[in-house]
Amino acid sequence: MKEVKAIIQPFMLSEVLRGLQTINDLPAATVSEVRGFSVVHPDVEPQKRIKLEMMVPHEMVEQVVTAIEKHAHTGNPGDGRIFVISVDDTVKIRTGERDTAT
């Protein structure tokens, strides 16, 4: 299982979610409003961004990354970044079920 985490422009959220909804059996996504700042340009005011987080099976990762990349792209600086992180284990609190993204 992998965690796919993406930082995107707020105005692209609806478009990205539409793109993700086309993927069959995609588990849920968590959406958070965050602020980001540049360590290279510390004088620049922190910018509002959206963070998407999803736990997905290995075989779904490329589809999810491609959908986010395609639907978040404007071609301008600040479009964002996608991270793919290995997940050792998950536990569903309600049932105690392990290793499931659903």
PDB file of N, CA and C in Angstrom:
ATOM      1  N   MET A   1       0.837  -1.169   0.000  1.00  0.00           N
ATOM      2  CA  MET A   1       0.000   0.000   0.000  1.00  0.00           C
ATOM      3  C   MET A   1       0.886   1.238   0.000  1.00  0.00           C
ATOM      4  N   LYS A   2       0.382   2.299  -0.630  1.00  0.00           N
ATOM      5  CA  LYS A   2       1.119   3.563  -0.720  1.00  0.00           C
ATOM      6  C   LYS A   2       0.219   4.716  -0.288  1.00  0.00           C
ATOM      7  N   GLU A   3       0.852   5.753   0.222  1.00  0.00           N
ATOM      8  CA  GLU A   3       0.148   7.005   0.442  1.00  0.00           C
ATOM      9  C   GLU A   3       0.522   7.925  -0.702  1.00  0.00           C
ATOM     10  N   VAL A   4      -0.482   8.482  -1.350  1.00  0.00           N
ATOM     11  CA  VAL A   4      -0.248   9.496  -2.368  1.00  0.00           C
ATOM     12  C   VAL A   4      -0.674  10.816  -1.742  1.00  0.00           C
ATOM     13  N   LYS A   5       0.273  11.726  -1.680  1.00  0.00           N
ATOM     14  CA  LYS A   5       0.042  13.034  -1.075  1.00  0.00           C
ATOM     15  C   LYS A   5       0.350  14.071  -2.145  1.00  0.00           C
ATOM     16  N   ALA A   6      -0.544  15.029  -2.320  1.00  0.00           N
ATOM     17  CA  ALA A   6      -0.338  16.063  -3.331  1.00  0.00           C
ATOM     18  C   ALA A   6      -0.616  17.430  -2.729  1.00  0.00           C
ATOM     19  N   ILE A   7       0.238  18.380  -3.062  1.00  0.00           N
ATOM     20  CA  ILE A   7       0.038  19.782  -2.708  1.00  0.00           C
ATOM     21  C   ILE A   7      -0.306  20.489  -4.013  1.00  0.00           C
ATOM     22  N   ILE A   8      -1.502  21.092  -4.076  1.00  0.00           N
ATOM     23  CA  ILE A   8      -1.963  21.702  -5.324  1.00  0.00           C
ATOM     24  C   ILE A   8      -2.504  23.109  -5.067  1.00  0.00           C
ATOM     25  N   GLN A   9      -2.730  23.837  -6.155  1.00  0.00           N
ATOM     26  CA  GLN A   9      -3.348  25.154  -6.081  1.00  0.00           C
ATOM     27  C   GLN A   9      -4.815  24.993  -5.666  1.00  0.00           C
ATOM     28  N   PRO A  10      -5.318  25.855  -4.777  1.00  0.00           N
ATOM     29  CA  PRO A  10      -6.706  25.736  -4.325  1.00  0.00           C
ATOM     30  C   PRO A  10      -7.730  25.774  -5.459  1.00  0.00           C
ATOM     31  N   PHE A  11      -7.497  26.602  -6.470  1.00  0.00           N
ATOM     32  CA  PHE A  11      -8.472  26.737  -7.550  1.00  0.00           C
ATOM     33  C   PHE A  11      -8.511  25.514  -8.474  1.00  0.00           C
ATOM     34  N   MET A  12      -7.578  24.568  -8.295  1.00  0.00           N
ATOM     35  CA  MET A  12      -7.563  23.348  -9.112  1.00  0.00           C
ATOM     36  C   MET A  12      -8.221  22.163  -8.404  1.00  0.00           C
ATOM     37  N   LEU A  13      -8.668  22.337  -7.171  1.00  0.00           N
ATOM     38  CA  LEU A  13      -9.211  21.221  -6.400  1.00  0.00           C
ATOM     39  C   LEU A  13     -10.388  20.544  -7.097  1.00  0.00           C
ATOM     40  N   SER A  14     -11.370  21.292  -7.544  1.00  0.00           N
ATOM     41  CA  SER A  14     -12.545  20.692  -8.195  1.00  0.00           C
ATOM     42  C   SER A  14     -12.153  19.875  -9.414  1.00  0.00           C
ATOM     43  N   GLU A  15     -11.240  20.412 -10.197  1.00  0.00           N
ATOM     44  CA  GLU A  15     -10.788  19.711 -11.406  1.00  0.00           C
ATOM     45  C   GLU A  15     -10.064  18.413 -11.045  1.00  0.00           C
ATOM     46  N   VAL A  16      -9.200  18.459 -10.038  1.00  0.00           N
ATOM     47  CA  VAL A  16      -8.471  17.268  -9.601  1.00  0.00           C
ATOM     48  C   VAL A  16      -9.445  16.210  -9.058  1.00  0.00           C
ATOM     49  N   LEU A  17     -10.407  16.632  -8.248  1.00  0.00           N
ATOM     50  CA  LEU A  17     -11.380  15.671  -7.711  1.00  0.00           C
ATOM     51  C   LEU A  17     -12.205  15.039  -8.822  1.00  0.00           C
ATOM     52  N   ARG A  18     -12.578  15.822  -9.834  1.00  0.00           N
ATOM     53  CA  ARG A  18     -13.293  15.242 -10.996  1.00  0.00           C
ATOM     54  C   ARG A  18     -12.440  14.180 -11.678  1.00  0.00           C
ATOM     55  N   GLY A  19     -11.157  14.467 -11.828  1.00  0.00           N
ATOM     56  CA  GLY A  19     -10.251  13.496 -12.447  1.00  0.00           C
ATOM     57  C   GLY A  19     -10.121  12.235 -11.616  1.00  0.00           C
ATOM     58  N   LEU A  20     -10.032  12.385 -10.294  1.00  0.00           N
ATOM     59  CA  LEU A  20      -9.906  11.217  -9.412  1.00  0.00           C
ATOM     60  C   LEU A  20     -11.179  10.382  -9.400  1.00  0.00           C
ATOM     61  N   GLN A  21     -12.337  11.024  -9.546  1.00  0.00           N
ATOM     62  CA  GLN A  21     -13.605  10.304  -9.534  1.00  0.00           C
ATOM     63  C   GLN A  21     -13.762   9.363 -10.718  1.00  0.00           C
ATOM     64  N   THR A  22     -12.949   9.523 -11.742  1.00  0.00           N
ATOM     65  CA  THR A  22     -13.029   8.623 -12.903  1.00  0.00           C
ATOM     66  C   THR A  22     -12.292   7.305 -12.668  1.00  0.00           C
ATOM     67  N   ILE A  23     -11.563   7.197 -11.562  1.00  0.00           N
ATOM     68  CA  ILE A  23     -10.806   5.982 -11.250  1.00  0.00           C
ATOM     69  C   ILE A  23     -11.700   5.025 -10.471  1.00  0.00           C
ATOM     70  N   ASN A  24     -11.948   3.849 -11.031  1.00  0.00           N
ATOM     71  CA  ASN A  24     -12.797   2.854 -10.378  1.00  0.00           C
ATOM     72  C   ASN A  24     -12.184   2.372  -9.069  1.00  0.00           C
ATOM     73  N   ASP A  25     -13.024   2.238  -8.057  1.00  0.00           N
ATOM     74  CA  ASP A  25     -12.642   1.684  -6.748  1.00  0.00           C
ATOM     75  C   ASP A  25     -11.593   2.499  -6.005  1.00  0.00           C
ATOM     76  N   LEU A  26     -11.478   3.770  -6.328  1.00  0.00           N
ATOM     77  CA  LEU A  26     -10.529   4.610  -5.597  1.00  0.00           C
ATOM     78  C   LEU A  26     -11.044   4.827  -4.180  1.00  0.00           C
ATOM     79  N   PRO A  27     -10.218   4.530  -3.161  1.00  0.00           N
ATOM     80  CA  PRO A  27     -10.628   4.798  -1.782  1.00  0.00           C
ATOM     81  C   PRO A  27     -10.795   6.300  -1.546  1.00  0.00           C
ATOM     82  N   ALA A  28     -11.181   6.655  -0.361  1.00  0.00           N
ATOM     83  CA  ALA A  28     -11.434   8.050   0.005  1.00  0.00           C
ATOM     84  C   ALA A  28     -10.169   8.899  -0.027  1.00  0.00           C
ATOM     85  N   ALA A  29     -10.382  10.202  -0.101  1.00  0.00           N
ATOM     86  CA  ALA A  29      -9.285  11.167  -0.051  1.00  0.00           C
ATOM     87  C   ALA A  29      -9.536  12.138   1.092  1.00  0.00           C
ATOM     88  N   THR A  30      -8.469  12.564   1.734  1.00  0.00           N
ATOM     89  CA  THR A  30      -8.543  13.610   2.749  1.00  0.00           C
ATOM     90  C   THR A  30      -8.060  14.897   2.108  1.00  0.00           C
ATOM     91  N   VAL A  31      -8.813  15.968   2.305  1.00  0.00           N
ATOM     92  CA  VAL A  31      -8.468  17.266   1.739  1.00  0.00           C
ATOM     93  C   VAL A  31      -8.269  18.249   2.891  1.00  0.00           C
ATOM     94  N   SER A  32      -7.131  18.937   2.891  1.00  0.00           N
ATOM     95  CA  SER A  32      -6.816  19.915   3.932  1.00  0.00           C
ATOM     96  C   SER A  32      -6.350  21.218   3.296  1.00  0.00           C
ATOM     97  N   GLU A  33      -6.699  22.327   3.935  1.00  0.00           N
ATOM     98  CA  GLU A  33      -6.140  23.608   3.528  1.00  0.00           C
ATOM     99  C   GLU A  33      -4.843  23.801   4.300  1.00  0.00           C
ATOM    100  N   VAL A  34      -3.777  24.130   3.582  1.00  0.00           N
ATOM    101  CA  VAL A  34      -2.466  24.313   4.211  1.00  0.00           C
ATOM    102  C   VAL A  34      -1.835  25.601   3.698  1.00  0.00           C
ATOM    103  N   ARG A  35      -0.742  25.988   4.342  1.00  0.00           N
ATOM    104  CA  ARG A  35       0.039  27.140   3.883  1.00  0.00           C
ATOM    105  C   ARG A  35       1.457  26.655   3.613  1.00  0.00           C
ATOM    106  N   GLY A  36       2.023  27.122   2.519  1.00  0.00           N
ATOM    107  CA  GLY A  36       3.385  26.750   2.184  1.00  0.00           C
ATOM    108  C   GLY A  36       4.235  27.988   1.979  1.00  0.00           C
ATOM    109  N   PHE A  37       5.510  27.846   2.272  1.00  0.00           N
ATOM    110  CA  PHE A  37       6.413  28.965   2.052  1.00  0.00           C
ATOM    111  C   PHE A  37       7.717  28.445   1.482  1.00  0.00           C
ATOM    112  N   SER A  38       8.440  29.311   0.855  1.00  0.00           N
ATOM    113  CA  SER A  38       9.692  28.962   0.200  1.00  0.00           C
ATOM    114  C   SER A  38      10.873  29.172   1.142  1.00  0.00           C
ATOM    115  N   VAL A  39      11.718  28.161   1.270  1.00  0.00           N
ATOM    116  CA  VAL A  39      12.944  28.346   2.038  1.00  0.00           C
ATOM    117  C   VAL A  39      13.993  29.060   1.188  1.00  0.00           C
ATOM    118  N   VAL A  40      13.817  29.014  -0.129  1.00  0.00           N
ATOM    119  CA  VAL A  40      14.724  29.692  -1.040  1.00  0.00           C
ATOM    120  C   VAL A  40      14.434  31.197  -1.065  1.00  0.00           C
ATOM    121  N   HIS A  41      13.147  31.543  -0.964  1.00  0.00           N
ATOM    122  CA  HIS A  41      12.714  32.947  -0.962  1.00  0.00           C
ATOM    123  C   HIS A  41      11.910  33.211   0.313  1.00  0.00           C
ATOM    124  N   PRO A  42      12.564  33.278   1.479  1.00  0.00           N
ATOM    125  CA  PRO A  42      11.843  33.405   2.754  1.00  0.00           C
ATOM    126  C   PRO A  42      11.088  34.719   2.907  1.00  0.00           C
ATOM    127  N   ASP A  43      11.387  35.700   2.071  1.00  0.00           N
ATOM    128  CA  ASP A  43      10.699  36.989   2.159  1.00  0.00           C
ATOM    129  C   ASP A  43       9.316  36.949   1.501  1.00  0.00           C
ATOM    130  N   VAL A  44       9.022  35.880   0.770  1.00  0.00           N
ATOM    131  CA  VAL A  44       7.725  35.751   0.100  1.00  0.00           C
ATOM    132  C   VAL A  44       6.691  35.253   1.106  1.00  0.00           C
ATOM    133  N   GLU A  45       5.530  35.872   1.086  1.00  0.00           N
ATOM    134  CA  GLU A  45       4.434  35.542   1.995  1.00  0.00           C
ATOM    135  C   GLU A  45       3.984  34.082   1.801  1.00  0.00           C
ATOM    136  N   PRO A  46       3.708  33.346   2.903  1.00  0.00           N
ATOM    137  CA  PRO A  46       3.204  31.964   2.763  1.00  0.00           C
ATOM    138  C   PRO A  46       1.954  31.934   1.886  1.00  0.00           C
ATOM    139  N   GLN A  47       1.870  30.907   1.035  1.00  0.00           N
ATOM    140  CA  GLN A  47       0.785  30.784   0.081  1.00  0.00           C
ATOM    141  C   GLN A  47      -0.198  29.696   0.504  1.00  0.00           C
ATOM    142  N   LYS A  48      -1.493  29.935   0.284  1.00  0.00           N
ATOM    143  CA  LYS A  48      -2.500  28.916   0.552  1.00  0.00           C
ATOM    144  C   LYS A  48      -2.385  27.821  -0.494  1.00  0.00           C
ATOM    145  N   ARG A  49      -2.483  26.592  -0.044  1.00  0.00           N
ATOM    146  CA  ARG A  49      -2.457  25.433  -0.921  1.00  0.00           C
ATOM    147  C   ARG A  49      -3.471  24.415  -0.394  1.00  0.00           C
ATOM    148  N   ILE A  50      -3.736  23.405  -1.195  1.00  0.00           N
ATOM    149  CA  ILE A  50      -4.585  22.290  -0.799  1.00  0.00           C
ATOM    150  C   ILE A  50      -3.705  21.051  -0.729  1.00  0.00           C
ATOM    151  N   LYS A  51      -3.894  20.255   0.328  1.00  0.00           N
ATOM    152  CA  LYS A  51      -3.177  18.983   0.440  1.00  0.00           C
ATOM    153  C   LYS A  51      -4.196  17.848   0.328  1.00  0.00           C
ATOM    154  N   LEU A  52      -3.966  16.965  -0.629  1.00  0.00           N
ATOM    155  CA  LEU A  52      -4.762  15.750  -0.803  1.00  0.00           C
ATOM    156  C   LEU A  52      -3.954  14.584  -0.281  1.00  0.00           C
ATOM    157  N   GLU A  53      -4.591  13.683   0.455  1.00  0.00           N
ATOM    158  CA  GLU A  53      -3.916  12.493   0.958  1.00  0.00           C
ATOM    159  C   GLU A  53      -4.811  11.281   0.720  1.00  0.00           C
ATOM    160  N   MET A  54      -4.238  10.225   0.128  1.00  0.00           N
ATOM    161  CA  MET A  54      -4.982   9.003  -0.159  1.00  0.00           C
ATOM    162  C   MET A  54      -4.112   7.792   0.099  1.00  0.00           C
ATOM    163  N   MET A  55      -4.688   6.755   0.671  1.00  0.00           N
ATOM    164  CA  MET A  55      -4.030   5.461   0.789  1.00  0.00           C
ATOM    165  C   MET A  55      -4.563   4.611  -0.353  1.00  0.00           C
ATOM    166  N   VAL A  56      -3.670   4.113  -1.186  1.00  0.00           N
ATOM    167  CA  VAL A  56      -4.107   3.343  -2.352  1.00  0.00           C
ATOM    168  C   VAL A  56      -3.281   2.068  -2.502  1.00  0.00           C
ATOM    169  N   PRO A  57      -3.880   1.027  -3.089  1.00  0.00           N
ATOM    170  CA  PRO A  57      -3.113  -0.184  -3.374  1.00  0.00           C
ATOM    171  C   PRO A  57      -2.001   0.129  -4.384  1.00  0.00           C
ATOM    172  N   HIS A  58      -0.929  -0.660  -4.336  1.00  0.00           N
ATOM    173  CA  HIS A  58       0.226  -0.457  -5.231  1.00  0.00           C
ATOM    174  C   HIS A  58      -0.207  -0.312  -6.689  1.00  0.00           C
ATOM    175  N   GLU A  59      -1.123  -1.172  -7.112  1.00  0.00           N
ATOM    176  CA  GLU A  59      -1.507  -1.201  -8.531  1.00  0.00           C
ATOM    177  C   GLU A  59      -2.293   0.039  -8.967  1.00  0.00           C
ATOM    178  N   MET A  60      -2.727   0.866  -8.037  1.00  0.00           N
ATOM    179  CA  MET A  60      -3.503   2.063  -8.361  1.00  0.00           C
ATOM    180  C   MET A  60      -2.666   3.336  -8.370  1.00  0.00           C
ATOM    181  N   VAL A  61      -1.452   3.260  -7.875  1.00  0.00           N
ATOM    182  CA  VAL A  61      -0.621   4.454  -7.673  1.00  0.00           C
ATOM    183  C   VAL A  61      -0.421   5.245  -8.958  1.00  0.00           C
ATOM    184  N   GLU A  62      -0.020   4.595 -10.010  1.00  0.00           N
ATOM    185  CA  GLU A  62       0.287   5.313 -11.248  1.00  0.00           C
ATOM    186  C   GLU A  62      -0.937   6.023 -11.809  1.00  0.00           C
ATOM    187  N   GLN A  63      -2.099   5.375 -11.720  1.00  0.00           N
ATOM    188  CA  GLN A  63      -3.347   5.995 -12.179  1.00  0.00           C
ATOM    189  C   GLN A  63      -3.666   7.251 -11.379  1.00  0.00           C
ATOM    190  N   VAL A  64      -3.500   7.179 -10.074  1.00  0.00           N
ATOM    191  CA  VAL A  64      -3.797   8.306  -9.192  1.00  0.00           C
ATOM    192  C   VAL A  64      -2.820   9.449  -9.460  1.00  0.00           C
ATOM    193  N   VAL A  65      -1.542   9.147  -9.538  1.00  0.00           N
ATOM    194  CA  VAL A  65      -0.527  10.177  -9.789  1.00  0.00           C
ATOM    195  C   VAL A  65      -0.775  10.849 -11.136  1.00  0.00           C
ATOM    196  N   THR A  66      -1.075  10.060 -12.155  1.00  0.00           N
ATOM    197  CA  THR A  66      -1.328  10.608 -13.489  1.00  0.00           C
ATOM    198  C   THR A  66      -2.551  11.516 -13.481  1.00  0.00           C
ATOM    199  N   ALA A  67      -3.616  11.107 -12.792  1.00  0.00           N
ATOM    200  CA  ALA A  67      -4.838  11.918 -12.736  1.00  0.00           C
ATOM    201  C   ALA A  67      -4.568  13.246 -12.044  1.00  0.00           C
ATOM    202  N   ILE A  68      -3.855  13.217 -10.935  1.00  0.00           N
ATOM    203  CA  ILE A  68      -3.554  14.465 -10.216  1.00  0.00           C
ATOM    204  C   ILE A  68      -2.684  15.363 -11.079  1.00  0.00           C
ATOM    205  N   GLU A  69      -1.637  14.779 -11.645  1.00  0.00           N
ATOM    206  CA  GLU A  69      -0.713  15.552 -12.476  1.00  0.00           C
ATOM    207  C   GLU A  69      -1.443  16.219 -13.642  1.00  0.00           C
ATOM    208  N   LYS A  70      -2.293  15.465 -14.318  1.00  0.00           N
ATOM    209  CA  LYS A  70      -3.028  15.974 -15.480  1.00  0.00           C
ATOM    210  C   LYS A  70      -3.996  17.086 -15.091  1.00  0.00           C
ATOM    211  N   HIS A  71      -4.732  16.900 -14.001  1.00  0.00           N
ATOM    212  CA  HIS A  71      -5.806  17.825 -13.657  1.00  0.00           C
ATOM    213  C   HIS A  71      -5.356  18.995 -12.780  1.00  0.00           C
ATOM    214  N   ALA A  72      -4.140  18.949 -12.216  1.00  0.00           N
ATOM    215  CA  ALA A  72      -3.633  20.063 -11.405  1.00  0.00           C
ATOM    216  C   ALA A  72      -2.688  20.962 -12.204  1.00  0.00           C
ATOM    217  N   HIS A  73      -2.350  20.552 -13.409  1.00  0.00           N
ATOM    218  CA  HIS A  73      -1.350  21.248 -14.209  1.00  0.00           C
ATOM    219  C   HIS A  73      -1.899  22.521 -14.841  1.00  0.00           C
ATOM    220  N   THR A  74      -1.215  23.651 -14.603  1.00  0.00           N
ATOM    221  CA  THR A  74      -1.530  24.904 -15.298  1.00  0.00           C
ATOM    222  C   THR A  74      -0.352  25.344 -16.148  1.00  0.00           C
ATOM    223  N   GLY A  75       0.834  24.799 -15.839  1.00  0.00           N
ATOM    224  CA  GLY A  75       2.045  25.215 -16.534  1.00  0.00           C
ATOM    225  C   GLY A  75       2.739  26.394 -15.883  1.00  0.00           C
ATOM    226  N   ASN A  76       2.164  26.888 -14.784  1.00  0.00           N
ATOM    227  CA  ASN A  76       2.742  28.030 -14.081  1.00  0.00           C
ATOM    228  C   ASN A  76       3.505  27.576 -12.843  1.00  0.00           C
ATOM    229  N   PRO A  77       4.472  28.378 -12.391  1.00  0.00           N
ATOM    230  CA  PRO A  77       5.160  28.036 -11.139  1.00  0.00           C
ATOM    231  C   PRO A  77       4.147  27.906 -10.004  1.00  0.00           C
ATOM    232  N   GLY A  78       4.388  26.955  -9.112  1.00  0.00           N
ATOM    233  CA  GLY A  78       3.500  26.768  -7.977  1.00  0.00           C
ATOM    234  C   GLY A  78       2.386  25.770  -8.209  1.00  0.00           C
ATOM    235  N   ASP A  79       2.427  25.038  -9.332  1.00  0.00           N
ATOM    236  CA  ASP A  79       1.393  24.034  -9.601  1.00  0.00           C
ATOM    237  C   ASP A  79       1.321  22.986  -8.500  1.00  0.00           C
ATOM    238  N   GLY A  80       2.447  22.701  -7.857  1.00  0.00           N
ATOM    239  CA  GLY A  80       2.430  21.775  -6.733  1.00  0.00           C
ATOM    240  C   GLY A  80       3.391  20.623  -6.876  1.00  0.00           C
ATOM    241  N   ARG A  81       3.167  19.617  -6.049  1.00  0.00           N
ATOM    242  CA  ARG A  81       4.051  18.460  -6.014  1.00  0.00           C
ATOM    243  C   ARG A  81       3.249  17.260  -5.545  1.00  0.00           C
ATOM    244  N   ILE A  82       3.648  16.071  -6.034  1.00  0.00           N
ATOM    245  CA  ILE A  82       3.019  14.806  -5.645  1.00  0.00           C
ATOM    246  C   ILE A  82       4.080  13.950  -4.971  1.00  0.00           C
ATOM    247  N   PHE A  83       3.714  13.350  -3.842  1.00  0.00           N
ATOM    248  CA  PHE A  83       4.613  12.462  -3.111  1.00  0.00           C
ATOM    249  C   PHE A  83       3.972  11.074  -3.060  1.00  0.00           C
ATOM    250  N   VAL A  84       4.782  10.043  -3.239  1.00  0.00           N
ATOM    251  CA  VAL A  84       4.318   8.659  -3.090  1.00  0.00           C
ATOM    252  C   VAL A  84       5.157   8.040  -1.980  1.00  0.00           C
ATOM    253  N   ILE A  85       4.468   7.586  -0.931  1.00  0.00           N
ATOM    254  CA  ILE A  85       5.135   7.136   0.283  1.00  0.00           C
ATOM    255  C   ILE A  85       4.695   5.714   0.614  1.00  0.00           C
ATOM    256  N   SER A  86       5.643   4.845   0.929  1.00  0.00           N
ATOM    257  CA  SER A  86       5.307   3.480   1.334  1.00  0.00           C
ATOM    258  C   SER A  86       4.613   3.489   2.690  1.00  0.00           C
ATOM    259  N   VAL A  87       3.589   2.640   2.829  1.00  0.00           N
ATOM    260  CA  VAL A  87       2.844   2.514   4.079  1.00  0.00           C
ATOM    261  C   VAL A  87       3.043   1.091   4.585  1.00  0.00           C
ATOM    262  N   ASP A  88       3.569   0.956   5.785  1.00  0.00           N
ATOM    263  CA  ASP A  88       3.833  -0.365   6.350  1.00  0.00           C
ATOM    264  C   ASP A  88       2.567  -1.072   6.804  1.00  0.00           C
ATOM    265  N   ASP A  89       1.633  -0.329   7.352  1.00  0.00           N
ATOM    266  CA  ASP A  89       0.438  -0.964   7.899  1.00  0.00           C
ATOM    267  C   ASP A  89      -0.656   0.080   8.052  1.00  0.00           C
ATOM    268  N   THR A  90      -1.903  -0.370   7.982  1.00  0.00           N
ATOM    269  CA  THR A  90      -3.042   0.473   8.321  1.00  0.00           C
ATOM    270  C   THR A  90      -3.958  -0.335   9.231  1.00  0.00           C
ATOM    271  N   VAL A  91      -4.685   0.357  10.097  1.00  0.00           N
ATOM    272  CA  VAL A  91      -5.649  -0.296  10.980  1.00  0.00           C
ATOM    273  C   VAL A  91      -6.944   0.492  10.921  1.00  0.00           C
ATOM    274  N   LYS A  92      -8.031  -0.164  10.543  1.00  0.00           N
ATOM    275  CA  LYS A  92      -9.337   0.476  10.562  1.00  0.00           C
ATOM    276  C   LYS A  92      -9.818   0.477  12.011  1.00  0.00           C
ATOM    277  N   ILE A  93      -9.992   1.627  12.594  1.00  0.00           N
ATOM    278  CA  ILE A  93     -10.299   1.748  14.020  1.00  0.00           C
ATOM    279  C   ILE A  93     -11.601   1.033  14.378  1.00  0.00           C
ATOM    280  N   ARG A  94     -12.643   1.180  13.579  1.00  0.00           N
ATOM    281  CA  ARG A  94     -13.945   0.594  13.893  1.00  0.00           C
ATOM    282  C   ARG A  94     -13.906  -0.919  13.966  1.00  0.00           C
ATOM    283  N   THR A  95     -13.181  -1.567  13.020  1.00  0.00           N
ATOM    284  CA  THR A  95     -13.214  -3.025  12.917  1.00  0.00           C
ATOM    285  C   THR A  95     -11.918  -3.710  13.315  1.00  0.00           C
ATOM    286  N   GLY A  96     -10.830  -2.971  13.404  1.00  0.00           N
ATOM    287  CA  GLY A  96      -9.536  -3.575  13.676  1.00  0.00           C
ATOM    288  C   GLY A  96      -8.906  -4.207  12.430  1.00  0.00           C
ATOM    289  N   GLU A  97      -9.587  -4.093  11.292  1.00  0.00           N
ATOM    290  CA  GLU A  97      -9.092  -4.659  10.032  1.00  0.00           C
ATOM    291  C   GLU A  97      -7.772  -3.999   9.662  1.00  0.00           C
ATOM    292  N   ARG A  98      -6.819  -4.793   9.172  1.00  0.00           N
ATOM    293  CA  ARG A  98      -5.504  -4.287   8.816  1.00  0.00           C
ATOM    294  C   ARG A  98      -5.239  -4.384   7.320  1.00  0.00           C
ATOM    295  N   ASP A  99      -4.278  -3.559   6.861  1.00  0.00           N
ATOM    296  CA  ASP A  99      -3.813  -3.582   5.474  1.00  0.00           C
ATOM    297  C   ASP A  99      -4.900  -3.423   4.443  1.00  0.00           C
ATOM    298  N   THR A 100      -5.768  -2.456   4.651  1.00  0.00           N
ATOM    299  CA  THR A 100      -6.799  -2.169   3.657  1.00  0.00           C
ATOM    300  C   THR A 100      -6.874  -0.678   3.407  1.00  0.00           C
ATOM    301  N   ALA A 101      -7.076  -0.295   2.176  1.00  0.00           N
ATOM    302  CA  ALA A 101      -7.208   1.122   1.841  1.00  0.00           C
ATOM    303  C   ALA A 101      -8.671   1.534   1.773  1.00  0.00           C
ATOM    304  N   THR A 102      -9.581   0.587   1.922  1.00  0.00           N
ATOM    305  CA  THR A 102     -11.016   0.923   1.786  1.00  0.00           C
ATOM    306  C   THR A 102     -11.668   1.068   3.133  1.00  0.00           C
TER     307      THR A 102
END
